[in-house]
Amino acid sequence: MNIEGAGSVGFDPNIVRKVVNVQAPQAVAWRVFTEKMGAWWPLAYYKIGKANAVDAVIEPYVGGRWFERGDDGSTCQWGSVLAWEPHSRLVLSWDINADWQYDPTLKTEIEVRFNADGSDRTRVELEHRHLDRYGARRDEMRRIYDTEGDWGKLLEMFARVAGEAYGKRTCRISDRREKH
């Protein structure tokens, strides 16, 4: 597995791009990302609800919710499904504001593309865009998504689980940041 920033694309301060090569076929990578998010998302730390989070759920249709489920049955919405194209493309709204609260008016977007690389590998490209919607806190949030809370770290966890689901347990990690 390789984690990299999408360095070949020009720098845009309103976008964070990350890429991971997953040791699993496209259908497996899609399934793990969309149906098994609770298996790889670090719910003990990356959650917004008061209850202990036990799952992260993407409802599998345009207009579906993206949310965390608490151990008490509560749900806290993170965003919604804007595009659902199995096994190739997913677009989600990310409606978590800079104070880590759900804000349905925020509407930053996360696009995830699943590109087959042979029969048993998938290149997964994530783009988090419209960071300008954070206003004066854009640079802070970009730093968090790019290097601190890091979509790359999340994709690394996803790739490990997807590889294990397919039976490939070895990985090599690298990090290439966007060039400014």
Protein backbone atom coordinates (compact mmCIF):
# COMPACT_ATOMS: atom_id res chain seq x y z
CA MET A 1 0.00 0.00 0.00
CA ASN A 2 1.24 3.48 -0.82
CA ILE A 3 -0.22 6.67 0.66
CA GLU A 4 0.54 9.84 -1.24
CA GLY A 5 -0.69 13.34 -1.78
CA ALA A 6 -1.74 13.95 -5.34
CA GLY A 7 1.43 15.90 -6.10
CA SER A 8 0.96 15.85 -9.87
CA VAL A 9 -2.10 18.10 -9.61
CA GLY A 10 -1.60 21.84 -9.06
CA PHE A 11 -1.88 23.21 -5.53
CA ASP A 12 -5.28 24.58 -4.54
CA PRO A 13 -5.66 25.73 -0.91
CA ASN A 14 -9.34 24.75 -1.01
CA ILE A 15 -8.62 21.08 -1.78
CA VAL A 16 -6.85 18.21 -0.03
CA ARG A 17 -6.00 15.20 -2.19
CA LYS A 18 -4.80 11.79 -1.05
CA VAL A 19 -4.19 8.56 -2.93
CA VAL A 20 -3.76 5.01 -1.68
CA ASN A 21 -3.01 1.82 -3.60
CA VAL A 22 -5.07 -0.99 -2.10
CA GLN A 23 -4.09 -4.67 -2.37
CA ALA A 24 -7.65 -5.72 -3.21
CA PRO A 25 -9.91 -5.74 -6.28
CA GLN A 26 -12.09 -2.72 -6.99
CA ALA A 27 -15.31 -4.39 -5.74
CA VAL A 28 -13.67 -5.35 -2.43
CA ALA A 29 -12.21 -1.87 -1.93
CA TRP A 30 -15.63 -0.30 -2.63
CA ARG A 31 -17.41 -2.68 -0.24
CA VAL A 32 -14.94 -2.10 2.60
CA PHE A 33 -15.09 1.68 2.14
CA THR A 34 -18.87 1.96 1.86
CA GLU A 35 -20.21 -0.99 3.88
CA LYS A 36 -17.50 -1.62 6.48
CA MET A 37 -16.46 1.91 7.43
CA GLY A 38 -16.86 1.10 11.12
CA ALA A 39 -14.12 -1.53 10.76
CA TRP A 40 -11.46 1.02 9.76
CA TRP A 41 -12.65 4.47 10.88
CA PRO A 42 -11.14 5.26 14.33
CA LEU A 43 -14.50 5.81 16.04
CA ALA A 44 -12.99 6.18 19.51
CA TYR A 45 -11.37 9.46 18.39
CA TYR A 46 -13.02 10.60 15.13
CA LYS A 47 -16.61 11.14 16.21
CA ILE A 48 -18.87 14.05 17.13
CA GLY A 49 -21.58 12.48 19.29
CA LYS A 50 -21.63 12.23 23.07
CA ALA A 51 -22.20 8.45 23.06
CA ASN A 52 -19.43 5.97 22.32
CA ALA A 53 -19.51 5.51 18.54
CA VAL A 54 -19.86 1.90 17.42
CA ASP A 55 -20.31 2.26 13.66
CA ALA A 56 -19.98 4.66 10.73
CA VAL A 57 -22.67 4.24 8.10
CA ILE A 58 -23.13 5.40 4.52
CA GLU A 59 -26.66 4.81 3.26
CA PRO A 60 -26.20 3.34 -0.26
CA TYR A 61 -28.10 5.83 -2.44
CA VAL A 62 -28.02 9.46 -3.54
CA GLY A 63 -29.55 11.50 -0.71
CA GLY A 64 -28.61 8.87 1.87
CA ARG A 65 -27.10 9.90 5.17
CA TRP A 66 -23.47 9.49 6.29
CA PHE A 67 -23.46 9.19 10.06
CA GLU A 68 -22.04 7.66 13.20
CA ARG A 69 -24.12 5.36 15.39
CA GLY A 70 -23.65 5.47 19.15
CA ASP A 71 -23.77 2.54 21.56
CA ASP A 72 -27.04 3.98 22.89
CA GLY A 73 -28.65 3.83 19.42
CA SER A 74 -28.24 7.57 18.77
CA THR A 75 -27.02 8.85 15.41
CA CYS A 76 -24.99 11.92 14.55
CA GLN A 77 -24.98 12.92 10.91
CA TRP A 78 -21.69 13.80 9.21
CA GLY A 79 -23.03 14.47 5.73
CA SER A 80 -24.95 12.90 2.87
CA VAL A 81 -24.45 10.94 -0.33
CA LEU A 82 -24.21 13.20 -3.40
CA ALA A 83 -23.14 10.54 -5.94
CA TRP A 84 -23.29 6.75 -5.66
CA GLU A 85 -21.64 4.91 -8.56
CA PRO A 86 -20.67 1.38 -7.45
CA HIS A 87 -17.72 0.35 -7.69
CA SER A 88 -16.08 3.42 -9.15
CA ARG A 89 -17.13 6.74 -7.57
CA LEU A 90 -18.62 8.09 -4.37
CA VAL A 91 -19.23 11.74 -3.49
CA LEU A 92 -20.21 12.69 0.04
CA SER A 93 -20.96 16.03 1.63
CA TRP A 94 -18.85 16.58 4.76
CA ASP A 95 -20.93 18.88 6.93
CA ILE A 96 -18.75 19.00 10.04
CA ASN A 97 -17.76 22.58 10.84
CA ALA A 98 -14.49 23.83 12.32
CA ASP A 99 -15.92 23.35 15.83
CA TRP A 100 -16.58 19.66 15.01
CA GLN A 101 -20.35 20.04 14.96
CA TYR A 102 -22.79 18.99 12.24
CA ASP A 103 -23.78 21.94 10.05
CA PRO A 104 -26.03 20.96 7.12
CA THR A 105 -25.28 24.28 5.39
CA LEU A 106 -21.49 23.73 5.20
CA LYS A 107 -21.42 21.25 2.29
CA THR A 108 -17.73 20.60 1.75
CA GLU A 109 -17.39 17.58 -0.53
CA ILE A 110 -15.38 14.39 -0.46
CA GLU A 111 -15.04 12.56 -3.75
CA VAL A 112 -13.59 9.07 -3.68
CA ARG A 113 -12.66 7.29 -6.92
CA PHE A 114 -11.91 3.57 -7.10
CA ASN A 115 -9.76 2.74 -10.14
CA ALA A 116 -8.91 -0.89 -10.90
CA ASP A 117 -5.17 -1.50 -11.23
CA GLY A 118 -5.13 -5.02 -12.61
CA SER A 119 -7.37 -7.73 -11.19
CA ASP A 120 -6.33 -7.52 -7.55
CA ARG A 121 -5.31 -3.90 -6.88
CA THR A 122 -7.23 -0.63 -6.69
CA ARG A 123 -6.00 2.94 -6.75
CA VAL A 124 -8.24 4.96 -4.45
CA GLU A 125 -8.17 8.74 -4.92
CA LEU A 126 -9.78 11.00 -2.32
CA GLU A 127 -10.40 14.70 -2.87
CA HIS A 128 -11.83 16.90 -0.08
CA ARG A 129 -12.90 20.14 -1.73
CA HIS A 130 -14.65 23.46 -1.05
CA LEU A 131 -12.56 24.10 2.06
CA ASP A 132 -13.11 27.81 1.41
CA ARG A 133 -16.52 27.22 3.03
CA TYR A 134 -14.71 27.19 6.39
CA GLY A 135 -14.12 30.92 5.89
CA ALA A 136 -11.39 32.37 8.11
CA ARG A 137 -10.63 28.87 9.46
CA ARG A 138 -9.90 27.33 6.07
CA ASP A 139 -6.12 27.08 6.57
CA GLU A 140 -6.57 25.48 10.00
CA MET A 141 -8.97 22.87 8.63
CA ARG A 142 -6.82 22.21 5.58
CA ARG A 143 -3.84 21.54 7.84
CA ILE A 144 -5.90 19.13 9.94
CA TYR A 145 -7.23 17.22 6.93
CA ASP A 146 -3.87 17.18 5.16
CA THR A 147 -1.33 16.53 7.93
CA GLU A 148 -2.80 16.30 11.45
CA GLY A 149 -6.14 14.46 11.41
CA ASP A 150 -5.14 13.49 7.92
CA TRP A 151 -7.21 11.79 5.28
CA GLY A 152 -4.00 9.91 4.46
CA LYS A 153 -4.00 8.20 7.86
CA LEU A 154 -7.65 7.24 7.40
CA LEU A 155 -6.96 5.87 3.92
CA GLU A 156 -4.04 3.87 5.33
CA MET A 157 -6.37 2.23 7.88
CA PHE A 158 -8.95 1.60 5.13
CA ALA A 159 -6.33 0.03 2.84
CA ARG A 160 -5.14 -2.32 5.59
CA VAL A 161 -8.68 -3.55 6.27
CA ALA A 162 -9.45 -3.91 2.56
CA GLY A 163 -6.21 -5.83 2.01
CA GLU A 164 -7.00 -8.11 4.94
CA ALA A 165 -10.52 -8.65 3.58
CA TYR A 166 -8.90 -9.83 0.36
CA GLY A 167 -6.18 -11.82 2.13
CA LYS A 168 -3.16 -9.58 1.47
CA ARG A 169 -1.54 -8.49 4.72
CA THR A 170 1.73 -6.87 3.67
CA CYS A 171 2.00 -3.19 2.82
CA ARG A 172 4.50 -0.45 2.12
CA ILE A 173 3.61 3.10 3.08
CA SER A 174 4.93 6.30 1.57
CA ASP A 175 3.74 9.88 1.79
CA ARG A 176 4.08 12.42 -0.99
CA ARG A 177 2.60 15.81 -0.23
CA GLU A 178 1.20 18.25 -2.75
CA LYS A 179 3.84 20.59 -4.14
CA HIS A 180 3.08 24.27 -3.51
